[in-house]
């Protein structure tokens, strides 16, 4: 005979069994759902970061399609400066004269066939603080400001090396060039004068960028003997470091129009001077478009 107490006991057991089965079923569903989501995440394609392979030295080896080399920007800059001042792009015809259009540029090229504009005079002439071969005021003690500062550095470097230099003649006005040229013609004849002296308006000295330099060791003369002196050799070697070059090279009279002048230095800027000197070219050749490769 089943009592009321026994019925209650069976009902309790049945209820507990039902709850246990439900709990197991719910737990299984939850675990299965999580497993599916994790599987989907592992197999899905990457949507953000890409993998990067690192080499043993710690650098990123994933460089496909990336340009790591750099162009020679220094060479490009030099070529660009040459192109800006090329002979062909810096001249215009005015009557029977070929006149430069870049008179204010430190790379201006003035020679027997290329004149300065009529009445040209630099507006930034100053007197460099260097020893001169003469005393007293004179226009030839002046240079354009940038060239004057560079000359001071050049002379200071020479002094440090035990080299004694003297500035002889810098800026020369049109009017003074008339006197210099006419005197040369009177002394030596027009044919010879043309080899050693410029006609008025065609002189580099009028640009304020050229100066004649000598030394007490040769009596401060501006003659070819200076080029053979210790001071002359030092000047040729070190002038480019300060923006100057020997303007009229030996055995290049057929190109420059003038005899060799180791005393005549010309300021062209510190960026170009070393390249010009190393090239061995005259300024006429260096700034010819035929020799400029962009």
C-alpha atoms as a PDB file:
ATOM      1  CA  UNK A   1       0.000   0.000   0.000  1.00  0.00           C
ATOM      2  CA  UNK A   2       1.443   3.319  -1.094  1.00  0.00           C
ATOM      3  CA  UNK A   3       1.175   5.974   1.484  1.00  0.00           C
ATOM      4  CA  UNK A   4       0.917   9.695   1.004  1.00  0.00           C
ATOM      5  CA  UNK A   5       4.484  10.060   2.261  1.00  0.00           C
ATOM      6  CA  UNK A   6       5.783   7.672  -0.413  1.00  0.00           C
ATOM      7  CA  UNK A   7       3.919   9.553  -3.168  1.00  0.00           C
ATOM      8  CA  UNK A   8       5.535  12.818  -2.106  1.00  0.00           C
ATOM      9  CA  UNK A   9       8.982  11.201  -2.208  1.00  0.00           C
ATOM     10  CA  UNK A  10       8.468   9.859  -5.755  1.00  0.00           C
ATOM     11  CA  UNK A  11       7.209  13.259  -6.933  1.00  0.00           C
ATOM     12  CA  UNK A  12      10.287  14.988  -5.555  1.00  0.00           C
ATOM     13  CA  UNK A  13      12.625  12.522  -7.312  1.00  0.00           C
ATOM     14  CA  UNK A  14      10.798  13.001 -10.622  1.00  0.00           C
ATOM     15  CA  UNK A  15      10.987  16.778 -10.333  1.00  0.00           C
ATOM     16  CA  UNK A  16      14.717  16.705  -9.594  1.00  0.00           C
ATOM     17  CA  UNK A  17      15.336  14.393 -12.557  1.00  0.00           C
ATOM     18  CA  UNK A  18      13.461  16.726 -14.894  1.00  0.00           C
ATOM     19  CA  UNK A  19      15.449  19.728 -13.706  1.00  0.00           C
ATOM     20  CA  UNK A  20      18.740  17.855 -14.124  1.00  0.00           C
ATOM     21  CA  UNK A  21      17.954  16.832 -17.716  1.00  0.00           C
ATOM     22  CA  UNK A  22      16.923  20.389 -18.624  1.00  0.00           C
ATOM     23  CA  UNK A  23      20.125  21.796 -17.202  1.00  0.00           C
ATOM     24  CA  UNK A  24      22.258  19.347 -19.192  1.00  0.00           C
ATOM     25  CA  UNK A  25      20.431  20.145 -22.432  1.00  0.00           C
ATOM     26  CA  UNK A  26      20.760  23.911 -21.968  1.00  0.00           C
ATOM     27  CA  UNK A  27      24.467  23.656 -21.174  1.00  0.00           C
ATOM     28  CA  UNK A  28      25.113  21.596 -24.301  1.00  0.00           C
ATOM     29  CA  UNK A  29      23.392  24.157 -26.516  1.00  0.00           C
ATOM     30  CA  UNK A  30      25.436  26.995 -25.053  1.00  0.00           C
ATOM     31  CA  UNK A  31      28.744  25.193 -25.498  1.00  0.00           C
ATOM     32  CA  UNK A  32      27.890  24.220 -29.062  1.00  0.00           C
ATOM     33  CA  UNK A  33      27.006  27.798 -29.945  1.00  0.00           C
ATOM     34  CA  UNK A  34      30.286  29.126 -28.571  1.00  0.00           C
ATOM     35  CA  UNK A  35      32.268  26.538 -30.480  1.00  0.00           C
ATOM     36  CA  UNK A  36      30.643  27.550 -33.738  1.00  0.00           C
ATOM     37  CA  UNK A  37      31.373  31.229 -33.177  1.00  0.00           C
ATOM     38  CA  UNK A  38      35.009  30.550 -32.360  1.00  0.00           C
ATOM     39  CA  UNK A  39      35.325  28.401 -35.455  1.00  0.00           C
ATOM     40  CA  UNK A  40      33.908  31.161 -37.591  1.00  0.00           C
ATOM     41  CA  UNK A  41      36.367  33.705 -36.168  1.00  0.00           C
ATOM     42  CA  UNK A  42      39.394  31.509 -36.842  1.00  0.00           C
ATOM     43  CA  UNK A  43      38.432  30.797 -40.427  1.00  0.00           C
ATOM     44  CA  UNK A  44      37.320  34.307 -41.356  1.00  0.00           C
ATOM     45  CA  UNK A  45      39.717  36.382 -43.504  1.00  0.00           C
ATOM     46  CA  UNK A  46      41.701  39.152 -41.789  1.00  0.00           C
ATOM     47  CA  UNK A  47      39.956  42.488 -41.995  1.00  0.00           C
ATOM     48  CA  UNK A  48      42.555  44.877 -40.539  1.00  0.00           C
ATOM     49  CA  UNK A  49      46.177  44.129 -39.778  1.00  0.00           C
ATOM     50  CA  UNK A  50      48.384  42.212 -42.174  1.00  0.00           C
ATOM     51  CA  UNK A  51      51.102  39.935 -40.945  1.00  0.00           C
ATOM     52  CA  UNK A  52      54.640  41.339 -40.949  1.00  0.00           C
ATOM     53  CA  UNK A  53      57.663  39.120 -41.170  1.00  0.00           C
ATOM     54  CA  UNK A  54      60.572  40.362 -39.116  1.00  0.00           C
ATOM     55  CA  UNK A  55      64.098  39.545 -40.161  1.00  0.00           C
ATOM     56  CA  UNK A  56      66.765  38.435 -37.677  1.00  0.00           C
ATOM     57  CA  UNK A  57      68.120  41.978 -37.439  1.00  0.00           C
ATOM     58  CA  UNK A  58      64.728  43.232 -36.305  1.00  0.00           C
ATOM     59  CA  UNK A  59      63.729  44.990 -39.511  1.00  0.00           C
ATOM     60  CA  UNK A  60      60.444  44.684 -41.349  1.00  0.00           C
ATOM     61  CA  UNK A  61      60.869  42.312 -44.282  1.00  0.00           C
ATOM     62  CA  UNK A  62      57.462  43.102 -45.774  1.00  0.00           C
ATOM     63  CA  UNK A  63      58.725  45.763 -48.233  1.00  0.00           C
ATOM     64  CA  UNK A  64      57.126  44.610 -51.467  1.00  0.00           C
ATOM     65  CA  UNK A  65      56.079  47.619 -53.509  1.00  0.00           C
ATOM     66  CA  UNK A  66      57.830  50.122 -51.221  1.00  0.00           C
ATOM     67  CA  UNK A  67      60.571  52.340 -52.651  1.00  0.00           C
ATOM     68  CA  UNK A  68      63.410  52.392 -50.167  1.00  0.00           C
ATOM     69  CA  UNK A  69      66.093  54.037 -52.298  1.00  0.00           C
ATOM     70  CA  UNK A  70      66.568  57.789 -52.505  1.00  0.00           C
ATOM     71  CA  UNK A  71      67.724  59.804 -55.509  1.00  0.00           C
ATOM     72  CA  UNK A  72      70.928  61.830 -55.447  1.00  0.00           C
ATOM     73  CA  UNK A  73      69.295  65.073 -54.372  1.00  0.00           C
ATOM     74  CA  UNK A  74      72.603  66.931 -54.241  1.00  0.00           C
ATOM     75  CA  UNK A  75      73.334  66.148 -57.890  1.00  0.00           C
ATOM     76  CA  UNK A  76      69.778  67.080 -58.855  1.00  0.00           C
ATOM     77  CA  UNK A  77      70.126  70.422 -57.068  1.00  0.00           C
ATOM     78  CA  UNK A  78      73.399  71.225 -58.828  1.00  0.00           C
ATOM     79  CA  UNK A  79      71.943  70.356 -62.220  1.00  0.00           C
ATOM     80  CA  UNK A  80      68.894  72.519 -61.531  1.00  0.00           C
ATOM     81  CA  UNK A  81      71.102  75.499 -60.669  1.00  0.00           C
ATOM     82  CA  UNK A  82      73.120  74.982 -63.823  1.00  0.00           C
ATOM     83  CA  UNK A  83      69.966  74.834 -65.924  1.00  0.00           C
ATOM     84  CA  UNK A  84      68.598  78.040 -64.379  1.00  0.00           C
ATOM     85  CA  UNK A  85      71.746  79.913 -65.407  1.00  0.00           C
ATOM     86  CA  UNK A  86      72.494  78.187 -68.683  1.00  0.00           C
ATOM     87  CA  UNK A  87      74.081  80.329 -71.369  1.00  0.00           C
ATOM     88  CA  UNK A  88      71.099  79.857 -73.632  1.00  0.00           C
ATOM     89  CA  UNK A  89      68.436  80.797 -71.065  1.00  0.00           C
ATOM     90  CA  UNK A  90      70.135  83.914 -69.664  1.00  0.00           C
ATOM     91  CA  UNK A  91      70.702  86.104 -72.710  1.00  0.00           C
ATOM     92  CA  UNK A  92      68.711  88.496 -74.862  1.00  0.00           C
ATOM     93  CA  UNK A  93      69.550  90.534 -77.921  1.00  0.00           C
ATOM     94  CA  UNK A  94      69.553  94.328 -77.627  1.00  0.00           C
ATOM     95  CA  UNK A  95      70.567  95.857 -80.920  1.00  0.00           C
ATOM     96  CA  UNK A  96      74.010  94.523 -81.750  1.00  0.00           C
ATOM     97  CA  UNK A  97      74.701  93.390 -78.169  1.00  0.00           C
ATOM     98  CA  UNK A  98      73.920  90.120 -76.405  1.00  0.00           C
ATOM     99  CA  UNK A  99      72.943  91.194 -72.881  1.00  0.00           C
ATOM    100  CA  UNK A 100      72.678  88.906 -69.855  1.00  0.00           C
ATOM    101  CA  UNK A 101      69.275  88.685 -68.196  1.00  0.00           C
ATOM    102  CA  UNK A 102      70.538  87.460 -64.810  1.00  0.00           C
ATOM    103  CA  UNK A 103      73.031  90.165 -63.863  1.00  0.00           C
ATOM    104  CA  UNK A 104      72.152  89.837 -60.153  1.00  0.00           C
ATOM    105  CA  UNK A 105      72.763  86.077 -60.045  1.00  0.00           C
ATOM    106  CA  UNK A 106      76.062  84.830 -58.615  1.00  0.00           C
ATOM    107  CA  UNK A 107      76.152  82.467 -61.595  1.00  0.00           C
ATOM    108  CA  UNK A 108      75.964  85.209 -64.235  1.00  0.00           C
ATOM    109  CA  UNK A 109      78.324  84.630 -67.167  1.00  0.00           C
ATOM    110  CA  UNK A 110      79.925  87.750 -68.614  1.00  0.00           C
ATOM    111  CA  UNK A 111      82.529  87.512 -71.365  1.00  0.00           C
ATOM    112  CA  UNK A 112      83.504  89.078 -74.679  1.00  0.00           C
ATOM    113  CA  UNK A 113      80.193  88.076 -76.225  1.00  0.00           C
ATOM    114  CA  UNK A 114      77.896  88.593 -73.215  1.00  0.00           C
ATOM    115  CA  UNK A 115      77.610  92.098 -71.771  1.00  0.00           C
ATOM    116  CA  UNK A 116      76.022  93.446 -68.622  1.00  0.00           C
ATOM    117  CA  UNK A 117      72.937  95.675 -68.948  1.00  0.00           C
ATOM    118  CA  UNK A 118      73.753  99.293 -69.698  1.00  0.00           C
ATOM    119  CA  UNK A 119      74.491 101.243 -66.521  1.00  0.00           C
ATOM    120  CA  UNK A 120      74.615  98.116 -64.350  1.00  0.00           C
ATOM    121  CA  UNK A 121      76.003  98.551 -60.838  1.00  0.00           C
ATOM    122  CA  UNK A 122      75.479  96.103 -57.946  1.00  0.00           C
ATOM    123  CA  UNK A 123      73.430  97.574 -55.104  1.00  0.00           C
ATOM    124  CA  UNK A 124      75.047  95.531 -52.317  1.00  0.00           C
ATOM    125  CA  UNK A 125      78.732  96.425 -52.606  1.00  0.00           C
ATOM    126  CA  UNK A 126      80.696  96.249 -49.351  1.00  0.00           C
ATOM    127  CA  UNK A 127      84.351  96.273 -48.382  1.00  0.00           C
ATOM    128  CA  UNK A 128      85.586  92.869 -47.166  1.00  0.00           C
ATOM    129  CA  UNK A 129      87.716  92.845 -44.047  1.00  0.00           C
ATOM    130  CA  UNK A 130      90.859  91.408 -45.655  1.00  0.00           C
ATOM    131  CA  UNK A 131      94.360  92.810 -46.238  1.00  0.00           C
ATOM    132  CA  UNK A 132      94.801  94.678 -49.530  1.00  0.00           C
ATOM    133  CA  UNK A 133      97.964  95.327 -51.491  1.00  0.00           C
ATOM    134  CA  UNK A 134      97.422  99.099 -51.228  1.00  0.00           C
ATOM    135  CA  UNK A 135      96.258 101.672 -48.719  1.00  0.00           C
ATOM    136  CA  UNK A 136      93.502 104.223 -48.927  1.00  0.00           C
ATOM    137  CA  UNK A 137      89.907 104.160 -50.189  1.00  0.00           C
ATOM    138  CA  UNK A 138      89.106 102.928 -53.678  1.00  0.00           C
ATOM    139  CA  UNK A 139      86.151 101.326 -55.456  1.00  0.00           C
ATOM    140  CA  UNK A 140      88.247  98.237 -56.181  1.00  0.00           C
ATOM    141  CA  UNK A 141      88.246  97.429 -52.463  1.00  0.00           C
ATOM    142  CA  UNK A 142      84.602  96.363 -52.801  1.00  0.00           C
ATOM    143  CA  UNK A 143      82.696  93.193 -53.655  1.00  0.00           C
ATOM    144  CA  UNK A 144      79.089  92.168 -53.503  1.00  0.00           C
ATOM    145  CA  UNK A 145      78.059  91.323 -49.946  1.00  0.00           C
ATOM    146  CA  UNK A 146      77.880  87.529 -50.317  1.00  0.00           C
ATOM    147  CA  UNK A 147      81.189  87.345 -52.158  1.00  0.00           C
ATOM    148  CA  UNK A 148      82.851  89.648 -49.618  1.00  0.00           C
ATOM    149  CA  UNK A 149      81.812  87.423 -46.704  1.00  0.00           C
ATOM    150  CA  UNK A 150      83.134  84.359 -48.532  1.00  0.00           C
ATOM    151  CA  UNK A 151      86.430  86.132 -49.266  1.00  0.00           C
ATOM    152  CA  UNK A 152      86.876  86.871 -45.569  1.00  0.00           C
ATOM    153  CA  UNK A 153      86.457  83.169 -44.803  1.00  0.00           C
ATOM    154  CA  UNK A 154      88.931  82.263 -47.558  1.00  0.00           C
ATOM    155  CA  UNK A 155      91.589  84.659 -46.276  1.00  0.00           C
ATOM    156  CA  UNK A 156      91.072  83.482 -42.691  1.00  0.00           C
ATOM    157  CA  UNK A 157      91.606  79.866 -43.768  1.00  0.00           C
ATOM    158  CA  UNK A 158      94.748  80.858 -45.669  1.00  0.00           C
ATOM    159  CA  UNK A 159      96.142  82.597 -42.601  1.00  0.00           C
ATOM    160  CA  UNK A 160      95.504  79.508 -40.479  1.00  0.00           C
ATOM    161  CA  UNK A 161      97.542  77.501 -42.993  1.00  0.00           C
ATOM    162  CA  UNK A 162     100.380  80.022 -42.930  1.00  0.00           C
ATOM    163  CA  UNK A 163      99.491  81.418 -46.362  1.00  0.00           C
ATOM    164  CA  UNK A 164      99.726  85.185 -46.820  1.00  0.00           C
ATOM    165  CA  UNK A 165      97.349  86.594 -49.425  1.00  0.00           C
ATOM    166  CA  UNK A 166      96.533  90.116 -50.554  1.00  0.00           C
ATOM    167  CA  UNK A 167      93.443  91.405 -52.313  1.00  0.00           C
ATOM    168  CA  UNK A 168      94.469  93.530 -55.293  1.00  0.00           C
ATOM    169  CA  UNK A 169      91.421  94.542 -57.311  1.00  0.00           C
ATOM    170  CA  UNK A 170      87.736  93.768 -56.864  1.00  0.00           C
ATOM    171  CA  UNK A 171      84.765  95.736 -58.188  1.00  0.00           C
ATOM    172  CA  UNK A 172      85.387  97.916 -61.214  1.00  0.00           C
ATOM    173  CA  UNK A 173      82.798 100.363 -62.513  1.00  0.00           C
ATOM    174  CA  UNK A 174      82.017 100.844 -66.190  1.00  0.00           C
ATOM    175  CA  UNK A 175      83.768 104.218 -66.164  1.00  0.00           C
ATOM    176  CA  UNK A 176      86.932 102.813 -64.630  1.00  0.00           C
ATOM    177  CA  UNK A 177      86.929  99.904 -67.072  1.00  0.00           C
ATOM    178  CA  UNK A 178      86.981 102.460 -69.892  1.00  0.00           C
ATOM    179  CA  UNK A 179      90.201 103.856 -68.448  1.00  0.00           C
ATOM    180  CA  UNK A 180      91.761 100.419 -67.822  1.00  0.00           C
ATOM    181  CA  UNK A 181      90.985  99.139 -71.308  1.00  0.00           C
ATOM    182  CA  UNK A 182      92.153 102.279 -73.102  1.00  0.00           C
ATOM    183  CA  UNK A 183      95.415 102.269 -71.142  1.00  0.00           C
ATOM    184  CA  UNK A 184      96.013  98.642 -72.118  1.00  0.00           C
ATOM    185  CA  UNK A 185      95.409  99.451 -75.775  1.00  0.00           C
ATOM    186  CA  UNK A 186      97.825 102.389 -75.621  1.00  0.00           C
ATOM    187  CA  UNK A 187     100.558 100.286 -74.016  1.00  0.00           C
ATOM    188  CA  UNK A 188     100.199  97.004 -75.893  1.00  0.00           C
ATOM    189  CA  UNK A 189      97.981  97.543 -78.912  1.00  0.00           C
ATOM    190  CA  UNK A 190      94.347  96.534 -79.374  1.00  0.00           C
ATOM    191  CA  UNK A 191      95.033  92.914 -80.330  1.00  0.00           C
ATOM    192  CA  UNK A 192      96.982  92.144 -77.171  1.00  0.00           C
ATOM    193  CA  UNK A 193      94.703  94.272 -74.988  1.00  0.00           C
ATOM    194  CA  UNK A 194      91.751  92.131 -76.069  1.00  0.00           C
ATOM    195  CA  UNK A 195      93.467  89.038 -74.610  1.00  0.00           C
ATOM    196  CA  UNK A 196      94.094  90.543 -71.183  1.00  0.00           C
ATOM    197  CA  UNK A 197      91.474  93.228 -70.669  1.00  0.00           C
ATOM    198  CA  UNK A 198      87.716  93.400 -71.201  1.00  0.00           C
ATOM    199  CA  UNK A 199      85.917  96.106 -73.070  1.00  0.00           C
ATOM    200  CA  UNK A 200      83.700  98.316 -70.884  1.00  0.00           C
ATOM    201  CA  UNK A 201      80.440  96.555 -70.037  1.00  0.00           C
ATOM    202  CA  UNK A 202      81.958  93.126 -70.652  1.00  0.00           C
ATOM    203  CA  UNK A 203      84.140  92.856 -67.544  1.00  0.00           C
ATOM    204  CA  UNK A 204      83.567  90.365 -64.738  1.00  0.00           C
ATOM    205  CA  UNK A 205      84.926  92.930 -62.306  1.00  0.00           C
ATOM    206  CA  UNK A 206      81.832  95.046 -62.945  1.00  0.00           C
ATOM    207  CA  UNK A 207      79.647  92.243 -61.535  1.00  0.00           C
ATOM    208  CA  UNK A 208      81.237  92.664 -58.097  1.00  0.00           C
ATOM    209  CA  UNK A 209      81.830  88.905 -57.997  1.00  0.00           C
ATOM    210  CA  UNK A 210      85.453  88.793 -59.182  1.00  0.00           C
ATOM    211  CA  UNK A 211      88.671  89.822 -57.481  1.00  0.00           C
ATOM    212  CA  UNK A 212      92.373  89.634 -58.266  1.00  0.00           C
ATOM    213  CA  UNK A 213      94.472  88.086 -55.490  1.00  0.00           C
ATOM    214  CA  UNK A 214      98.238  87.942 -55.025  1.00  0.00           C
ATOM    215  CA  UNK A 215     100.851  87.576 -52.293  1.00  0.00           C
ATOM    216  CA  UNK A 216     103.815  89.497 -50.857  1.00  0.00           C
ATOM    217  CA  UNK A 217     105.957  86.487 -51.789  1.00  0.00           C
ATOM    218  CA  UNK A 218     105.727  87.567 -55.450  1.00  0.00           C
ATOM    219  CA  UNK A 219     105.578  91.301 -54.794  1.00  0.00           C
ATOM    220  CA  UNK A 220     101.749  91.341 -54.979  1.00  0.00           C
ATOM    221  CA  UNK A 221     101.906  91.247 -58.776  1.00  0.00           C
ATOM    222  CA  UNK A 222      99.031  89.847 -60.799  1.00  0.00           C
ATOM    223  CA  UNK A 223     101.084  87.796 -63.187  1.00  0.00           C
ATOM    224  CA  UNK A 224     101.356  84.132 -64.097  1.00  0.00           C
ATOM    225  CA  UNK A 225     104.230  83.669 -61.648  1.00  0.00           C
ATOM    226  CA  UNK A 226     101.676  83.815 -58.833  1.00  0.00           C
ATOM    227  CA  UNK A 227     100.194  80.523 -60.045  1.00  0.00           C
ATOM    228  CA  UNK A 228     103.527  78.775 -59.451  1.00  0.00           C
ATOM    229  CA  UNK A 229     103.915  80.127 -55.923  1.00  0.00           C
ATOM    230  CA  UNK A 230     102.909  78.275 -52.771  1.00  0.00           C
ATOM    231  CA  UNK A 231     100.164  80.839 -52.248  1.00  0.00           C
ATOM    232  CA  UNK A 232      98.862  80.481 -55.790  1.00  0.00           C
ATOM    233  CA  UNK A 233      98.704  76.701 -55.523  1.00  0.00           C
ATOM    234  CA  UNK A 234      96.937  76.944 -52.168  1.00  0.00           C
ATOM    235  CA  UNK A 235      94.403  79.355 -53.650  1.00  0.00           C
ATOM    236  CA  UNK A 236      93.615  77.080 -56.588  1.00  0.00           C
ATOM    237  CA  UNK A 237      93.108  74.107 -54.268  1.00  0.00           C
ATOM    238  CA  UNK A 238      91.057  75.760 -51.536  1.00  0.00           C
ATOM    239  CA  UNK A 239      89.147  78.583 -53.241  1.00  0.00           C
ATOM    240  CA  UNK A 240      86.256  76.271 -54.269  1.00  0.00           C
ATOM    241  CA  UNK A 241      85.604  75.418 -50.612  1.00  0.00           C
ATOM    242  CA  UNK A 242      84.558  79.041 -50.141  1.00  0.00           C
ATOM    243  CA  UNK A 243      82.622  79.497 -53.379  1.00  0.00           C
ATOM    244  CA  UNK A 244      85.388  80.752 -55.704  1.00  0.00           C
ATOM    245  CA  UNK A 245      86.960  79.283 -58.835  1.00  0.00           C
ATOM    246  CA  UNK A 246      89.910  80.243 -61.003  1.00  0.00           C
ATOM    247  CA  UNK A 247      87.987  81.932 -63.797  1.00  0.00           C
ATOM    248  CA  UNK A 248      90.485  81.862 -66.655  1.00  0.00           C
ATOM    249  CA  UNK A 249      92.117  78.446 -66.858  1.00  0.00           C
ATOM    250  CA  UNK A 250      95.403  77.542 -68.484  1.00  0.00           C
ATOM    251  CA  UNK A 251      95.237  76.671 -72.193  1.00  0.00           C
ATOM    252  CA  UNK A 252      91.542  77.579 -72.436  1.00  0.00           C
ATOM    253  CA  UNK A 253      91.876  80.968 -74.090  1.00  0.00           C
ATOM    254  CA  UNK A 254      90.007  79.668 -77.130  1.00  0.00           C
ATOM    255  CA  UNK A 255      86.938  79.242 -74.901  1.00  0.00           C
ATOM    256  CA  UNK A 256      87.177  82.026 -72.308  1.00  0.00           C
ATOM    257  CA  UNK A 257      88.742  84.590 -74.617  1.00  0.00           C
ATOM    258  CA  UNK A 258      91.445  85.451 -72.082  1.00  0.00           C
ATOM    259  CA  UNK A 259      94.909  84.218 -71.180  1.00  0.00           C
ATOM    260  CA  UNK A 260      95.518  82.136 -68.061  1.00  0.00           C
ATOM    261  CA  UNK A 261      94.975  84.245 -64.924  1.00  0.00           C
ATOM    262  CA  UNK A 262      95.713  82.277 -61.730  1.00  0.00           C
ATOM    263  CA  UNK A 263      95.145  85.435 -59.686  1.00  0.00           C
ATOM    264  CA  UNK A 264      91.597  86.115 -60.920  1.00  0.00           C
ATOM    265  CA  UNK A 265      89.028  84.306 -58.780  1.00  0.00           C
ATOM    266  CA  UNK A 266      85.313  84.430 -59.351  1.00  0.00           C
ATOM    267  CA  UNK A 267      82.564  83.832 -56.794  1.00  0.00           C
ATOM    268  CA  UNK A 268      79.886  81.399 -58.016  1.00  0.00           C
ATOM    269  CA  UNK A 269      78.541  80.169 -54.674  1.00  0.00           C
ATOM    270  CA  UNK A 270      79.596  77.411 -52.309  1.00  0.00           C
ATOM    271  CA  UNK A 271      77.195  74.867 -53.778  1.00  0.00           C
ATOM    272  CA  UNK A 272      78.556  74.998 -57.321  1.00  0.00           C
ATOM    273  CA  UNK A 273      82.220  75.964 -56.935  1.00  0.00           C
ATOM    274  CA  UNK A 274      83.512  72.511 -55.851  1.00  0.00           C
ATOM    275  CA  UNK A 275      81.638  70.835 -58.704  1.00  0.00           C
ATOM    276  CA  UNK A 276      82.945  73.347 -61.246  1.00  0.00           C
ATOM    277  CA  UNK A 277      86.529  72.919 -60.061  1.00  0.00           C
ATOM    278  CA  UNK A 278      86.254  69.133 -60.084  1.00  0.00           C
ATOM    279  CA  UNK A 279      84.788  69.131 -63.591  1.00  0.00           C
ATOM    280  CA  UNK A 280      87.779  70.999 -65.027  1.00  0.00           C
ATOM    281  CA  UNK A 281      85.401  72.974 -67.233  1.00  0.00           C
ATOM    282  CA  UNK A 282      85.375  76.690 -67.887  1.00  0.00           C
ATOM    283  CA  UNK A 283      82.212  78.525 -66.848  1.00  0.00           C
ATOM    284  CA  UNK A 284      81.266  78.751 -70.522  1.00  0.00           C
ATOM    285  CA  UNK A 285      81.375  74.964 -70.815  1.00  0.00           C
ATOM    286  CA  UNK A 286      79.851  74.266 -67.420  1.00  0.00           C
ATOM    287  CA  UNK A 287      76.753  76.374 -68.092  1.00  0.00           C
ATOM    288  CA  UNK A 288      76.281  75.270 -71.688  1.00  0.00           C
ATOM    289  CA  UNK A 289      72.989  73.373 -72.010  1.00  0.00           C
ATOM    290  CA  UNK A 290      74.808  70.752 -74.074  1.00  0.00           C
ATOM    291  CA  UNK A 291      76.656  69.727 -70.891  1.00  0.00           C
ATOM    292  CA  UNK A 292      73.692  69.873 -68.510  1.00  0.00           C
ATOM    293  CA  UNK A 293      71.856  66.583 -67.998  1.00  0.00           C
ATOM    294  CA  UNK A 294      68.608  66.869 -66.051  1.00  0.00           C
END
